[in-house]
Amino acid sequence: MSGFLQLLKKKKELIPLIGFMAFAATFATSASLYFLFTKTDVILNKTNNPEPWERVDPRKPQKLLTINQQWKPVEELQTVKSMHK
């Protein structure tokens, strides 16, 4: 670790690069964990829930940013879904 600090003392132009890389790695990790635990389209265990799209709430936005989302059920799909159950 002291060799790394000595390198930074010699080459001070590396400090911003290391800072940006640390920020990018932190952001990527936190975004991955956010999507893993909050979004329904990320699946870890397919054996307990083989058809996860059946449990998605259509009124809840699935994107990170949703503008003017309006959901209307398609009648044909509803009849087909009721026939399969």
C-alpha atoms as a PDB file:
ATOM      1  CA  MET A   1       0.000   0.000   0.000  1.00  0.00           C
ATOM      2  CA  SER A   2       2.843   2.397   0.731  1.00  0.00           C
ATOM      3  CA  GLY A   3       4.202   1.802  -2.795  1.00  0.00           C
ATOM      4  CA  PHE A   4       0.852   2.947  -4.168  1.00  0.00           C
ATOM      5  CA  LEU A   5       0.914   6.113  -2.063  1.00  0.00           C
ATOM      6  CA  GLN A   6       4.471   6.834  -3.155  1.00  0.00           C
ATOM      7  CA  LEU A   7       3.394   6.457  -6.779  1.00  0.00           C
ATOM      8  CA  LEU A   8       0.597   8.978  -6.180  1.00  0.00           C
ATOM      9  CA  LYS A   9       3.075  11.411  -4.601  1.00  0.00           C
ATOM     10  CA  LYS A  10       5.326  11.131  -7.656  1.00  0.00           C
ATOM     11  CA  LYS A  11       2.581  11.267 -10.285  1.00  0.00           C
ATOM     12  CA  LYS A  12      -0.125  13.600  -9.002  1.00  0.00           C
ATOM     13  CA  GLU A  13      -1.952  13.545 -12.342  1.00  0.00           C
ATOM     14  CA  LEU A  14      -3.223  10.032 -11.488  1.00  0.00           C
ATOM     15  CA  ILE A  15      -5.301  11.261  -8.525  1.00  0.00           C
ATOM     16  CA  PRO A  16      -8.291  12.515 -10.613  1.00  0.00           C
ATOM     17  CA  LEU A  17      -8.228   9.349 -12.719  1.00  0.00           C
ATOM     18  CA  ILE A  18      -8.347   7.150  -9.624  1.00  0.00           C
ATOM     19  CA  GLY A  19     -11.138   9.314  -8.198  1.00  0.00           C
ATOM     20  CA  PHE A  20     -13.264   9.002 -11.343  1.00  0.00           C
ATOM     21  CA  MET A  21     -12.674   5.265 -11.528  1.00  0.00           C
ATOM     22  CA  ALA A  22     -13.663   4.828  -7.883  1.00  0.00           C
ATOM     23  CA  PHE A  23     -16.815   6.895  -8.463  1.00  0.00           C
ATOM     24  CA  ALA A  24     -17.739   4.838 -11.552  1.00  0.00           C
ATOM     25  CA  ALA A  25     -17.186   1.540  -9.740  1.00  0.00           C
ATOM     26  CA  THR A  26     -19.261   2.702  -6.771  1.00  0.00           C
ATOM     27  CA  PHE A  27     -22.082   3.896  -9.026  1.00  0.00           C
ATOM     28  CA  ALA A  28     -22.106   0.666 -11.054  1.00  0.00           C
ATOM     29  CA  THR A  29     -22.221  -1.462  -7.910  1.00  0.00           C
ATOM     30  CA  SER A  30     -24.968   0.583  -6.291  1.00  0.00           C
ATOM     31  CA  ALA A  31     -27.058   0.639  -9.485  1.00  0.00           C
ATOM     32  CA  SER A  32     -26.713  -3.135  -9.831  1.00  0.00           C
ATOM     33  CA  LEU A  33     -27.832  -3.692  -6.243  1.00  0.00           C
ATOM     34  CA  TYR A  34     -30.729  -1.247  -6.673  1.00  0.00           C
ATOM     35  CA  PHE A  35     -32.034  -3.062  -9.746  1.00  0.00           C
ATOM     36  CA  LEU A  36     -31.445  -6.458  -8.158  1.00  0.00           C
ATOM     37  CA  PHE A  37     -33.538  -5.756  -5.084  1.00  0.00           C
ATOM     38  CA  THR A  38     -36.223  -3.380  -6.399  1.00  0.00           C
ATOM     39  CA  LYS A  39     -37.066  -4.365  -9.975  1.00  0.00           C
ATOM     40  CA  THR A  40     -39.252  -7.319 -10.828  1.00  0.00           C
ATOM     41  CA  ASP A  41     -37.629  -8.083 -14.166  1.00  0.00           C
ATOM     42  CA  VAL A  42     -34.400  -9.208 -12.488  1.00  0.00           C
ATOM     43  CA  ILE A  43     -34.687 -12.904 -11.614  1.00  0.00           C
ATOM     44  CA  LEU A  44     -32.326 -14.799  -9.347  1.00  0.00           C
ATOM     45  CA  ASN A  45     -34.269 -18.013  -8.801  1.00  0.00           C
ATOM     46  CA  LYS A  46     -36.260 -19.313 -11.757  1.00  0.00           C
ATOM     47  CA  THR A  47     -37.321 -22.548 -10.073  1.00  0.00           C
ATOM     48  CA  ASN A  48     -39.700 -20.880  -7.605  1.00  0.00           C
ATOM     49  CA  ASN A  49     -41.103 -18.448 -10.169  1.00  0.00           C
ATOM     50  CA  PRO A  50     -40.849 -19.866 -13.715  1.00  0.00           C
ATOM     51  CA  GLU A  51     -43.123 -17.176 -15.214  1.00  0.00           C
ATOM     52  CA  PRO A  52     -42.235 -13.915 -13.421  1.00  0.00           C
ATOM     53  CA  TRP A  53     -43.993 -11.709 -15.956  1.00  0.00           C
ATOM     54  CA  GLU A  54     -47.328 -12.948 -14.589  1.00  0.00           C
ATOM     55  CA  ARG A  55     -46.707 -11.181 -11.263  1.00  0.00           C
ATOM     56  CA  VAL A  56     -45.677  -7.784 -12.648  1.00  0.00           C
ATOM     57  CA  ASP A  57     -48.014  -4.984 -11.599  1.00  0.00           C
ATOM     58  CA  PRO A  58     -48.821  -3.035 -14.790  1.00  0.00           C
ATOM     59  CA  ARG A  59     -49.648   0.134 -12.870  1.00  0.00           C
ATOM     60  CA  LYS A  60     -46.155   0.272 -11.346  1.00  0.00           C
ATOM     61  CA  PRO A  61     -43.530   1.744 -13.685  1.00  0.00           C
ATOM     62  CA  GLN A  62     -40.768  -0.698 -14.584  1.00  0.00           C
ATOM     63  CA  LYS A  63     -38.291   1.772 -16.039  1.00  0.00           C
ATOM     64  CA  LEU A  64     -35.869   3.989 -14.161  1.00  0.00           C
ATOM     65  CA  LEU A  65     -37.652   7.039 -15.599  1.00  0.00           C
ATOM     66  CA  THR A  66     -41.220   6.811 -16.863  1.00  0.00           C
ATOM     67  CA  ILE A  67     -42.966   9.765 -18.507  1.00  0.00           C
ATOM     68  CA  ASN A  68     -46.736   9.694 -19.149  1.00  0.00           C
ATOM     69  CA  GLN A  69     -47.202   5.940 -18.829  1.00  0.00           C
ATOM     70  CA  GLN A  70     -50.757   4.820 -19.387  1.00  0.00           C
ATOM     71  CA  TRP A  71     -51.704   1.180 -19.156  1.00  0.00           C
ATOM     72  CA  LYS A  72     -54.825  -0.273 -20.693  1.00  0.00           C
ATOM     73  CA  PRO A  73     -55.536  -4.006 -20.693  1.00  0.00           C
ATOM     74  CA  VAL A  74     -55.781  -5.687 -24.089  1.00  0.00           C
ATOM     75  CA  GLU A  75     -59.084  -7.532 -24.237  1.00  0.00           C
ATOM     76  CA  GLU A  76     -57.814 -10.381 -26.394  1.00  0.00           C
ATOM     77  CA  LEU A  77     -54.960 -11.101 -24.003  1.00  0.00           C
ATOM     78  CA  GLN A  78     -57.309 -11.055 -21.025  1.00  0.00           C
ATOM     79  CA  THR A  79     -59.608 -13.607 -22.668  1.00  0.00           C
ATOM     80  CA  VAL A  80     -56.695 -15.864 -23.577  1.00  0.00           C
ATOM     81  CA  LYS A  81     -55.320 -15.588 -20.037  1.00  0.00           C
ATOM     82  CA  SER A  82     -58.712 -16.472 -18.555  1.00  0.00           C
ATOM     83  CA  MET A  83     -58.983 -19.506 -20.870  1.00  0.00           C
ATOM     84  CA  HIS A  84     -55.601 -20.872 -19.739  1.00  0.00           C
ATOM     85  CA  LYS A  85     -56.399 -20.687 -16.029  1.00  0.00           C
END
